[in-house]
PDB file of N, CA and C in Angstrom:
ATOM      1  N   MET A   1     -98.040 -17.231 -22.510  1.00  0.00           N
ATOM      2  CA  MET A   1     -97.459 -16.876 -21.321  1.00  0.00           C
ATOM      3  C   MET A   1     -98.043 -17.742 -20.150  1.00  0.00           C
ATOM      4  N   GLU A   2     -97.222 -18.556 -19.501  1.00  0.00           N
ATOM      5  CA  GLU A   2     -97.804 -19.312 -18.538  1.00  0.00           C
ATOM      6  C   GLU A   2     -97.960 -18.571 -17.299  1.00  0.00           C
ATOM      7  N   ARG A   3     -98.679 -19.031 -16.266  1.00  0.00           N
ATOM      8  CA  ARG A   3     -98.939 -18.340 -15.039  1.00  0.00           C
ATOM      9  C   ARG A   3     -97.613 -17.940 -14.349  1.00  0.00           C
ATOM     10  N   SER A   4     -96.689 -18.793 -14.175  1.00  0.00           N
ATOM     11  CA  SER A   4     -95.521 -18.577 -13.444  1.00  0.00           C
ATOM     12  C   SER A   4     -94.507 -17.619 -14.106  1.00  0.00           C
ATOM     13  N   GLN A   5     -94.755 -17.577 -15.546  1.00  0.00           N
ATOM     14  CA  GLN A   5     -94.176 -16.324 -16.136  1.00  0.00           C
ATOM     15  C   GLN A   5     -94.852 -14.833 -15.896  1.00  0.00           C
ATOM     16  N   GLN A   6     -96.246 -15.173 -15.774  1.00  0.00           N
ATOM     17  CA  GLN A   6     -96.757 -13.663 -15.550  1.00  0.00           C
ATOM     18  C   GLN A   6     -96.362 -13.450 -14.018  1.00  0.00           C
ATOM     19  N   THR A   7     -96.438 -14.274 -13.061  1.00  0.00           N
ATOM     20  CA  THR A   7     -95.941 -13.967 -11.725  1.00  0.00           C
ATOM     21  C   THR A   7     -94.466 -13.610 -11.756  1.00  0.00           C
ATOM     22  N   GLY A   8     -93.688 -13.964 -12.401  1.00  0.00           N
ATOM     23  CA  GLY A   8     -92.181 -13.472 -12.565  1.00  0.00           C
ATOM     24  C   GLY A   8     -92.357 -12.111 -12.981  1.00  0.00           C
ATOM     25  N   LEU A   9     -93.101 -11.831 -14.195  1.00  0.00           N
ATOM     26  CA  LEU A   9     -93.189 -10.464 -14.817  1.00  0.00           C
ATOM     27  C   LEU A   9     -93.809  -9.478 -13.697  1.00  0.00           C
ATOM     28  N   ALA A  10     -94.836 -10.040 -12.879  1.00  0.00           N
ATOM     29  CA  ALA A  10     -95.244  -9.012 -11.888  1.00  0.00           C
ATOM     30  C   ALA A  10     -94.227  -8.710 -10.779  1.00  0.00           C
ATOM     31  N   LEU A  11     -93.490  -9.574 -10.464  1.00  0.00           N
ATOM     32  CA  LEU A  11     -92.475  -9.566  -9.305  1.00  0.00           C
ATOM     33  C   LEU A  11     -91.492  -8.581  -9.789  1.00  0.00           C
ATOM     34  N   MET A  12     -90.936  -8.588 -11.163  1.00  0.00           N
ATOM     35  CA  MET A  12     -90.022  -7.588 -11.670  1.00  0.00           C
ATOM     36  C   MET A  12     -90.458  -6.335 -11.662  1.00  0.00           C
ATOM     37  N   ILE A  13     -91.610  -6.248 -12.041  1.00  0.00           N
ATOM     38  CA  ILE A  13     -92.155  -4.741 -12.138  1.00  0.00           C
ATOM     39  C   ILE A  13     -92.561  -4.226 -10.643  1.00  0.00           C
ATOM     40  N   GLY A  14     -93.092  -5.091 -10.040  1.00  0.00           N
ATOM     41  CA  GLY A  14     -93.158  -4.545  -8.489  1.00  0.00           C
ATOM     42  C   GLY A  14     -91.784  -4.257  -7.938  1.00  0.00           C
ATOM     43  N   ALA A  15     -90.712  -5.193  -8.008  1.00  0.00           N
ATOM     44  CA  ALA A  15     -89.562  -4.621  -7.378  1.00  0.00           C
ATOM     45  C   ALA A  15     -88.843  -3.363  -7.824  1.00  0.00           C
ATOM     46  N   ALA A  16     -89.000  -3.265  -9.151  1.00  0.00           N
ATOM     47  CA  ALA A  16     -88.311  -2.133  -9.701  1.00  0.00           C
ATOM     48  C   ALA A  16     -89.327  -0.698  -9.293  1.00  0.00           C
ATOM     49  N   PHE A  17     -90.603  -0.875  -9.285  1.00  0.00           N
ATOM     50  CA  PHE A  17     -91.535   0.240  -8.867  1.00  0.00           C
ATOM     51  C   PHE A  17     -91.281   0.690  -7.365  1.00  0.00           C
ATOM     52  N   MET A  18     -91.032  -0.443  -6.869  1.00  0.00           N
ATOM     53  CA  MET A  18     -90.782  -0.303  -5.173  1.00  0.00           C
ATOM     54  C   MET A  18     -89.487   0.531  -4.948  1.00  0.00           C
ATOM     55  N   LEU A  19     -88.619   0.263  -5.834  1.00  0.00           N
ATOM     56  CA  LEU A  19     -87.223   0.780  -5.518  1.00  0.00           C
ATOM     57  C   LEU A  19     -87.292   2.561  -6.090  1.00  0.00           C
ATOM     58  N   VAL A  20     -87.930   2.321  -7.227  1.00  0.00           N
ATOM     59  CA  VAL A  20     -88.032   3.739  -7.705  1.00  0.00           C
ATOM     60  C   VAL A  20     -88.911   4.654  -6.876  1.00  0.00           C
ATOM     61  N   ALA A  21     -89.994   4.154  -6.315  1.00  0.00           N
ATOM     62  CA  ALA A  21     -90.868   4.875  -5.259  1.00  0.00           C
ATOM     63  C   ALA A  21     -89.954   5.334  -4.187  1.00  0.00           C
ATOM     64  N   PHE A  22     -89.199   4.429  -3.611  1.00  0.00           N
ATOM     65  CA  PHE A  22     -88.672   4.641  -2.284  1.00  0.00           C
ATOM     66  C   PHE A  22     -87.414   5.851  -2.457  1.00  0.00           C
ATOM     67  N   PHE A  23     -86.547   5.583  -3.764  1.00  0.00           N
ATOM     68  CA  PHE A  23     -85.692   6.420  -4.084  1.00  0.00           C
ATOM     69  C   PHE A  23     -86.145   8.012  -4.318  1.00  0.00           C
ATOM     70  N   THR A  24     -87.162   8.016  -5.196  1.00  0.00           N
ATOM     71  CA  THR A  24     -87.840   9.385  -5.186  1.00  0.00           C
ATOM     72  C   THR A  24     -88.202  10.042  -4.127  1.00  0.00           C
ATOM     73  N   SER A  25     -88.905   9.122  -2.944  1.00  0.00           N
ATOM     74  CA  SER A  25     -89.356   9.736  -1.695  1.00  0.00           C
ATOM     75  C   SER A  25     -88.259  10.085  -0.948  1.00  0.00           C
ATOM     76  N   MET A  26     -87.005   9.235  -0.946  1.00  0.00           N
ATOM     77  CA  MET A  26     -85.898   9.602  -0.236  1.00  0.00           C
ATOM     78  C   MET A  26     -85.271  11.134  -0.682  1.00  0.00           C
ATOM     79  N   MET A  27     -85.164  11.327  -1.933  1.00  0.00           N
ATOM     80  CA  MET A  27     -84.675  12.575  -2.405  1.00  0.00           C
ATOM     81  C   MET A  27     -85.429  13.842  -2.037  1.00  0.00           C
ATOM     82  N   ARG A  28     -86.778  13.639  -1.718  1.00  0.00           N
ATOM     83  CA  ARG A  28     -87.423  14.819  -1.395  1.00  0.00           C
ATOM     84  C   ARG A  28     -87.247  15.288   0.090  1.00  0.00           C
ATOM     85  N   ARG A  29     -86.742  14.331   0.889  1.00  0.00           N
ATOM     86  CA  ARG A  29     -86.435  14.856   2.381  1.00  0.00           C
ATOM     87  C   ARG A  29     -84.861  14.846   2.560  1.00  0.00           C
ATOM     88  N   SER A  30     -84.285  15.142   3.717  1.00  0.00           N
ATOM     89  CA  SER A  30     -82.957  15.160   4.004  1.00  0.00           C
ATOM     90  C   SER A  30     -82.988  14.099   5.299  1.00  0.00           C
ATOM     91  N   TYR A  31     -83.475  12.924   5.234  1.00  0.00           N
ATOM     92  CA  TYR A  31     -83.257  11.839   6.151  1.00  0.00           C
ATOM     93  C   TYR A  31     -82.313  10.885   5.759  1.00  0.00           C
ATOM     94  N   LEU A  32     -81.182  11.435   5.231  1.00  0.00           N
ATOM     95  CA  LEU A  32     -80.195  10.332   4.689  1.00  0.00           C
ATOM     96  C   LEU A  32     -79.588   9.632   5.692  1.00  0.00           C
ATOM     97  N   ALA A  33     -79.611  10.039   6.823  1.00  0.00           N
ATOM     98  CA  ALA A  33     -78.863   9.010   7.970  1.00  0.00           C
ATOM     99  C   ALA A  33     -79.780   7.823   8.249  1.00  0.00           C
ATOM    100  N   VAL A  34     -80.926   7.946   8.121  1.00  0.00           N
ATOM    101  CA  VAL A  34     -81.787   6.684   8.179  1.00  0.00           C
ATOM    102  C   VAL A  34     -82.159   6.228   6.735  1.00  0.00           C
ATOM    103  N   ALA A  35     -82.220   6.969   5.913  1.00  0.00           N
ATOM    104  CA  ALA A  35     -82.631   6.536   4.399  1.00  0.00           C
ATOM    105  C   ALA A  35     -81.543   5.770   3.725  1.00  0.00           C
ATOM    106  N   LEU A  36     -80.393   6.053   3.948  1.00  0.00           N
ATOM    107  CA  LEU A  36     -79.208   5.243   3.166  1.00  0.00           C
ATOM    108  C   LEU A  36     -79.210   3.759   3.674  1.00  0.00           C
ATOM    109  N   PRO A  37     -79.288   3.391   4.934  1.00  0.00           N
ATOM    110  CA  PRO A  37     -79.113   2.139   5.145  1.00  0.00           C
ATOM    111  C   PRO A  37     -80.490   1.295   4.794  1.00  0.00           C
ATOM    112  N   VAL A  38     -81.681   2.011   5.086  1.00  0.00           N
ATOM    113  CA  VAL A  38     -82.911   1.513   4.603  1.00  0.00           C
ATOM    114  C   VAL A  38     -82.865   1.171   2.977  1.00  0.00           C
ATOM    115  N   LEU A  39     -82.174   2.123   2.280  1.00  0.00           N
ATOM    116  CA  LEU A  39     -82.169   2.173   0.822  1.00  0.00           C
ATOM    117  C   LEU A  39     -81.287   1.023   0.419  1.00  0.00           C
ATOM    118  N   SER A  40     -80.255   0.636   1.298  1.00  0.00           N
ATOM    119  CA  SER A  40     -79.197  -0.393   0.679  1.00  0.00           C
ATOM    120  C   SER A  40     -80.214  -1.731   1.136  1.00  0.00           C
ATOM    121  N   ALA A  41     -80.815  -1.853   2.276  1.00  0.00           N
ATOM    122  CA  ALA A  41     -81.717  -3.145   2.518  1.00  0.00           C
ATOM    123  C   ALA A  41     -82.707  -3.285   1.419  1.00  0.00           C
ATOM    124  N   LEU A  42     -83.402  -2.392   1.019  1.00  0.00           N
ATOM    125  CA  LEU A  42     -84.644  -2.265   0.062  1.00  0.00           C
ATOM    126  C   LEU A  42     -84.074  -2.632  -1.291  1.00  0.00           C
ATOM    127  N   ALA A  43     -82.914  -2.181  -1.630  1.00  0.00           N
ATOM    128  CA  ALA A  43     -82.164  -2.637  -2.875  1.00  0.00           C
ATOM    129  C   ALA A  43     -81.811  -3.970  -2.946  1.00  0.00           C
ATOM    130  N   THR A  44     -81.326  -4.472  -1.855  1.00  0.00           N
ATOM    131  CA  THR A  44     -80.944  -5.977  -1.726  1.00  0.00           C
ATOM    132  C   THR A  44     -82.378  -6.713  -1.870  1.00  0.00           C
ATOM    133  N   VAL A  45     -83.203  -6.318  -1.082  1.00  0.00           N
ATOM    134  CA  VAL A  45     -84.589  -7.175  -1.299  1.00  0.00           C
ATOM    135  C   VAL A  45     -85.104  -7.059  -2.562  1.00  0.00           C
ATOM    136  N   SER A  46     -85.072  -5.929  -3.333  1.00  0.00           N
ATOM    137  CA  SER A  46     -85.630  -5.513  -4.788  1.00  0.00           C
ATOM    138  C   SER A  46     -84.853  -6.336  -5.716  1.00  0.00           C
ATOM    139  N   ALA A  47     -83.337  -6.559  -5.461  1.00  0.00           N
ATOM    140  CA  ALA A  47     -82.709  -7.055  -6.536  1.00  0.00           C
ATOM    141  C   ALA A  47     -82.860  -8.508  -6.373  1.00  0.00           C
ATOM    142  N   ILE A  48     -83.179  -9.255  -4.995  1.00  0.00           N
ATOM    143  CA  ILE A  48     -83.380 -10.622  -4.879  1.00  0.00           C
ATOM    144  C   ILE A  48     -84.908 -10.946  -5.647  1.00  0.00           C
ATOM    145  N   ALA A  49     -85.698  -9.852  -5.294  1.00  0.00           N
ATOM    146  CA  ALA A  49     -87.162 -10.373  -5.794  1.00  0.00           C
ATOM    147  C   ALA A  49     -87.218 -10.059  -7.342  1.00  0.00           C
ATOM    148  N   PHE A  50     -86.418  -9.242  -7.868  1.00  0.00           N
ATOM    149  CA  PHE A  50     -86.215  -9.026  -9.441  1.00  0.00           C
ATOM    150  C   PHE A  50     -85.726 -10.293 -10.064  1.00  0.00           C
ATOM    151  N   TRP A  51     -84.561 -10.856  -9.166  1.00  0.00           N
ATOM    152  CA  TRP A  51     -83.884 -12.021  -9.770  1.00  0.00           C
ATOM    153  C   TRP A  51     -84.850 -13.182  -9.659  1.00  0.00           C
ATOM    154  N   ILE A  52     -85.794 -13.339  -8.772  1.00  0.00           N
ATOM    155  CA  ILE A  52     -86.514 -14.551  -8.747  1.00  0.00           C
ATOM    156  C   ILE A  52     -87.687 -14.228  -9.995  1.00  0.00           C
ATOM    157  N   GLY A  53     -87.952 -13.105  -9.964  1.00  0.00           N
ATOM    158  CA  GLY A  53     -89.056 -12.827 -11.008  1.00  0.00           C
ATOM    159  C   GLY A  53     -88.515 -13.002 -12.232  1.00  0.00           C
ATOM    160  N   TRP A  54     -87.159 -12.651 -12.627  1.00  0.00           N
ATOM    161  CA  TRP A  54     -86.590 -13.201 -13.991  1.00  0.00           C
ATOM    162  C   TRP A  54     -86.507 -14.489 -14.338  1.00  0.00           C
ATOM    163  N   THR A  55     -86.089 -15.224 -13.028  1.00  0.00           N
ATOM    164  CA  THR A  55     -85.918 -16.781 -13.276  1.00  0.00           C
ATOM    165  C   THR A  55     -87.233 -17.320 -13.577  1.00  0.00           C
ATOM    166  N   MET A  56     -88.322 -16.922 -12.880  1.00  0.00           N
ATOM    167  CA  MET A  56     -89.765 -17.494 -13.193  1.00  0.00           C
ATOM    168  C   MET A  56     -90.091 -17.002 -14.800  1.00  0.00           C
ATOM    169  N   PHE A  57     -89.602 -15.796 -14.844  1.00  0.00           N
ATOM    170  CA  PHE A  57     -90.219 -15.241 -16.317  1.00  0.00           C
ATOM    171  C   PHE A  57     -89.569 -15.939 -17.382  1.00  0.00           C
ATOM    172  N   THR A  58     -88.336 -16.292 -17.285  1.00  0.00           N
ATOM    173  CA  THR A  58     -87.485 -16.905 -18.570  1.00  0.00           C
ATOM    174  C   THR A  58     -87.476 -18.263 -18.347  1.00  0.00           C
ATOM    175  N   ALA A  59     -88.128 -19.050 -17.222  1.00  0.00           N
ATOM    176  CA  ALA A  59     -88.157 -20.398 -17.332  1.00  0.00           C
ATOM    177  C   ALA A  59     -88.846 -21.168 -18.553  1.00  0.00           C
ATOM    178  N   GLU A  60     -88.452 -22.299 -18.935  1.00  0.00           N
ATOM    179  CA  GLU A  60     -88.756 -22.846 -20.081  1.00  0.00           C
ATOM    180  C   GLU A  60     -89.970 -23.682 -19.878  1.00  0.00           C
ATOM    181  N   ASP A  61     -90.902 -23.702 -20.693  1.00  0.00           N
ATOM    182  CA  ASP A  61     -92.268 -24.575 -20.450  1.00  0.00           C
ATOM    183  C   ASP A  61     -91.899 -25.853 -20.480  1.00  0.00           C
ATOM    184  N   GLU A  62     -92.735 -26.789 -19.526  1.00  0.00           N
ATOM    185  CA  GLU A  62     -92.464 -28.261 -19.430  1.00  0.00           C
ATOM    186  C   GLU A  62     -93.260 -28.691 -20.479  1.00  0.00           C
ATOM    187  N   ASP A  63     -92.659 -29.860 -21.372  1.00  0.00           N
ATOM    188  CA  ASP A  63     -93.415 -30.375 -22.296  1.00  0.00           C
ATOM    189  C   ASP A  63     -94.554 -31.335 -21.721  1.00  0.00           C
ATOM    190  N   GLU A  64     -95.632 -31.154 -22.461  1.00  0.00           N
ATOM    191  CA  GLU A  64     -96.892 -31.886 -21.824  1.00  0.00           C
ATOM    192  C   GLU A  64     -96.789 -33.464 -22.156  1.00  0.00           C
ATOM    193  N   ASP A  65     -95.696 -33.989 -23.106  1.00  0.00           N
ATOM    194  CA  ASP A  65     -95.455 -35.293 -23.075  1.00  0.00           C
ATOM    195  C   ASP A  65     -94.792 -35.970 -22.140  1.00  0.00           C
ATOM    196  N   SER A  66     -94.023 -35.171 -21.140  1.00  0.00           N
ATOM    197  CA  SER A  66     -93.207 -35.757 -20.120  1.00  0.00           C
ATOM    198  C   SER A  66     -93.942 -36.285 -19.068  1.00  0.00           C
ATOM    199  N   ASP A  67     -95.365 -36.224 -19.184  1.00  0.00           N
ATOM    200  CA  ASP A  67     -96.116 -36.864 -18.169  1.00  0.00           C
ATOM    201  C   ASP A  67     -96.064 -38.460 -18.050  1.00  0.00           C
ATOM    202  N   GLU A  68     -95.801 -39.007 -19.273  1.00  0.00           N
ATOM    203  CA  GLU A  68     -95.677 -40.389 -19.271  1.00  0.00           C
ATOM    204  C   GLU A  68     -94.502 -40.950 -18.830  1.00  0.00           C
ATOM    205  N   PRO A  69     -94.729 -42.063 -18.120  1.00  0.00           N
ATOM    206  CA  PRO A  69     -93.469 -42.648 -17.177  1.00  0.00           C
ATOM    207  C   PRO A  69     -92.326 -43.083 -18.272  1.00  0.00           C
ATOM    208  N   ALA A  70     -91.575 -43.093 -17.883  1.00  0.00           N
ATOM    209  CA  ALA A  70     -90.124 -43.747 -18.728  1.00  0.00           C
ATOM    210  C   ALA A  70     -90.287 -45.125 -18.833  1.00  0.00           C
ATOM    211  N   THR A  71     -90.088 -45.875 -19.930  1.00  0.00           N
ATOM    212  CA  THR A  71     -90.257 -47.237 -20.138  1.00  0.00           C
ATOM    213  C   THR A  71     -88.669 -47.723 -19.819  1.00  0.00           C
ATOM    214  N   SER A  72     -88.476 -48.495 -19.178  1.00  0.00           N
ATOM    215  CA  SER A  72     -87.168 -49.477 -18.871  1.00  0.00           C
ATOM    216  C   SER A  72     -86.954 -50.544 -19.728  1.00  0.00           C
TER     217      SER A  72
END
């Protein structure tokens, strides 16, 4: 696994953990008037972070032979 794939995996795990931790904390208190808008913003940011992480994780490796210049 390349470094960019490891970074992508870490982003996905972090985004999912952050969303679950916030949702669990929100359910313990009744601050729904404040928590619902914050939850929607956090869900959007987490979804974007997860998408970026997924893109980095599933990116294909570059060929090492591609360093050679193309001959015309």
